[in-house]
């Protein structure tokens, strides 16, 4: 039923309705604000991933630092 909704002439009719509703003068501003929002969203995602990687690196370095003294306490000769 909805499979033919976005095919052929339907897309052109939807675009025409959008132009009529928002007007040709508002569309560039609308597109600009959508672009800015997209850039901000991507930036926040990238920063979040970098923070996660930094937290994991710090966590793994703490784990390695704790493991090294314990290994030095046990002599390899006594098994």
C-alpha atoms as a PDB file:
ATOM      1  CA  UNK A   1       0.000   0.000   0.000  1.00  0.00           C
ATOM      2  CA  UNK A   2       2.728   2.478   0.965  1.00  0.00           C
ATOM      3  CA  UNK A   3       5.314   0.985  -1.419  1.00  0.00           C
ATOM      4  CA  UNK A   4       4.265   3.327  -4.244  1.00  0.00           C
ATOM      5  CA  UNK A   5       4.163   6.423  -2.047  1.00  0.00           C
ATOM      6  CA  UNK A   6       7.658   7.675  -2.917  1.00  0.00           C
ATOM      7  CA  UNK A   7       7.889   6.861  -6.597  1.00  0.00           C
ATOM      8  CA  UNK A   8       7.820   8.987  -9.706  1.00  0.00           C
ATOM      9  CA  UNK A   9       5.363  11.866  -9.597  1.00  0.00           C
ATOM     10  CA  UNK A  10       4.669  11.497  -5.893  1.00  0.00           C
ATOM     11  CA  UNK A  11       8.079  12.914  -5.024  1.00  0.00           C
ATOM     12  CA  UNK A  12       7.537  15.931  -7.289  1.00  0.00           C
ATOM     13  CA  UNK A  13       4.126  16.595  -5.765  1.00  0.00           C
ATOM     14  CA  UNK A  14       5.549  16.401  -2.233  1.00  0.00           C
ATOM     15  CA  UNK A  15       8.376  18.806  -3.162  1.00  0.00           C
ATOM     16  CA  UNK A  16       5.862  21.232  -4.707  1.00  0.00           C
ATOM     17  CA  UNK A  17       3.765  21.171  -1.534  1.00  0.00           C
ATOM     18  CA  UNK A  18       6.875  21.858   0.582  1.00  0.00           C
ATOM     19  CA  UNK A  19       7.809  24.830  -1.611  1.00  0.00           C
ATOM     20  CA  UNK A  20       4.286  26.199  -1.372  1.00  0.00           C
ATOM     21  CA  UNK A  21       4.153  25.775   2.414  1.00  0.00           C
ATOM     22  CA  UNK A  22       7.536  27.217   3.273  1.00  0.00           C
ATOM     23  CA  UNK A  23       8.029  29.568   0.368  1.00  0.00           C
ATOM     24  CA  UNK A  24      11.086  29.829  -1.825  1.00  0.00           C
ATOM     25  CA  UNK A  25      12.674  32.457   0.422  1.00  0.00           C
ATOM     26  CA  UNK A  26      12.641  30.263   3.551  1.00  0.00           C
ATOM     27  CA  UNK A  27      13.981  27.087   1.953  1.00  0.00           C
ATOM     28  CA  UNK A  28      17.668  28.162   1.824  1.00  0.00           C
ATOM     29  CA  UNK A  29      17.566  29.111   5.505  1.00  0.00           C
ATOM     30  CA  UNK A  30      15.870  25.822   6.326  1.00  0.00           C
ATOM     31  CA  UNK A  31      18.505  23.865   4.378  1.00  0.00           C
ATOM     32  CA  UNK A  32      21.300  25.842   6.073  1.00  0.00           C
ATOM     33  CA  UNK A  33      19.944  25.119   9.551  1.00  0.00           C
ATOM     34  CA  UNK A  34      19.580  21.414   8.737  1.00  0.00           C
ATOM     35  CA  UNK A  35      23.196  21.372   7.517  1.00  0.00           C
ATOM     36  CA  UNK A  36      24.431  23.076  10.691  1.00  0.00           C
ATOM     37  CA  UNK A  37      22.461  20.666  12.850  1.00  0.00           C
ATOM     38  CA  UNK A  38      23.942  17.723  10.972  1.00  0.00           C
ATOM     39  CA  UNK A  39      27.492  19.075  11.420  1.00  0.00           C
ATOM     40  CA  UNK A  40      26.943  19.600  15.148  1.00  0.00           C
ATOM     41  CA  UNK A  41      25.494  16.106  15.517  1.00  0.00           C
ATOM     42  CA  UNK A  42      28.459  14.503  13.708  1.00  0.00           C
ATOM     43  CA  UNK A  43      30.909  16.536  15.806  1.00  0.00           C
ATOM     44  CA  UNK A  44      29.280  15.401  19.058  1.00  0.00           C
ATOM     45  CA  UNK A  45      29.306  11.772  17.906  1.00  0.00           C
ATOM     46  CA  UNK A  46      33.009  12.014  17.018  1.00  0.00           C
ATOM     47  CA  UNK A  47      33.874  13.639  20.379  1.00  0.00           C
ATOM     48  CA  UNK A  48      31.890  11.000  22.250  1.00  0.00           C
ATOM     49  CA  UNK A  49      33.785   8.215  20.489  1.00  0.00           C
ATOM     50  CA  UNK A  50      37.115   9.900  21.278  1.00  0.00           C
ATOM     51  CA  UNK A  51      36.144  10.205  24.951  1.00  0.00           C
ATOM     52  CA  UNK A  52      35.168   6.528  25.047  1.00  0.00           C
ATOM     53  CA  UNK A  53      38.488   5.512  23.486  1.00  0.00           C
ATOM     54  CA  UNK A  54      40.413   7.684  25.954  1.00  0.00           C
ATOM     55  CA  UNK A  55      38.512   6.199  28.897  1.00  0.00           C
ATOM     56  CA  UNK A  56      39.200   2.658  27.702  1.00  0.00           C
ATOM     57  CA  UNK A  57      42.891   3.449  27.197  1.00  0.00           C
ATOM     58  CA  UNK A  58      43.121   4.860  30.719  1.00  0.00           C
ATOM     59  CA  UNK A  59      41.318   1.845  32.125  1.00  0.00           C
ATOM     60  CA  UNK A  60      43.598  -0.612  30.321  1.00  0.00           C
ATOM     61  CA  UNK A  61      46.735   1.272  31.429  1.00  0.00           C
ATOM     62  CA  UNK A  62      45.565   1.088  35.058  1.00  0.00           C
ATOM     63  CA  UNK A  63      44.943  -2.641  34.681  1.00  0.00           C
ATOM     64  CA  UNK A  64      48.406  -3.173  33.189  1.00  0.00           C
ATOM     65  CA  UNK A  65      50.028  -1.101  35.939  1.00  0.00           C
ATOM     66  CA  UNK A  66      48.352  -3.238  38.617  1.00  0.00           C
ATOM     67  CA  UNK A  67      49.328  -6.512  36.909  1.00  0.00           C
ATOM     68  CA  UNK A  68      53.036  -5.710  36.549  1.00  0.00           C
ATOM     69  CA  UNK A  69      53.970  -5.465  40.289  1.00  0.00           C
ATOM     70  CA  UNK A  70      52.192  -8.736  41.059  1.00  0.00           C
ATOM     71  CA  UNK A  71      54.160 -10.577  38.394  1.00  0.00           C
ATOM     72  CA  UNK A  72      57.479  -9.251  39.792  1.00  0.00           C
ATOM     73  CA  UNK A  73      56.637 -10.468  43.330  1.00  0.00           C
ATOM     74  CA  UNK A  74      56.486 -14.135  42.314  1.00  0.00           C
ATOM     75  CA  UNK A  75      59.834 -15.615  41.357  1.00  0.00           C
ATOM     76  CA  UNK A  76      59.836 -17.765  38.238  1.00  0.00           C
ATOM     77  CA  UNK A  77      62.165 -20.309  39.847  1.00  0.00           C
ATOM     78  CA  UNK A  78      59.613 -21.592  42.356  1.00  0.00           C
ATOM     79  CA  UNK A  79      57.037 -23.642  40.541  1.00  0.00           C
END
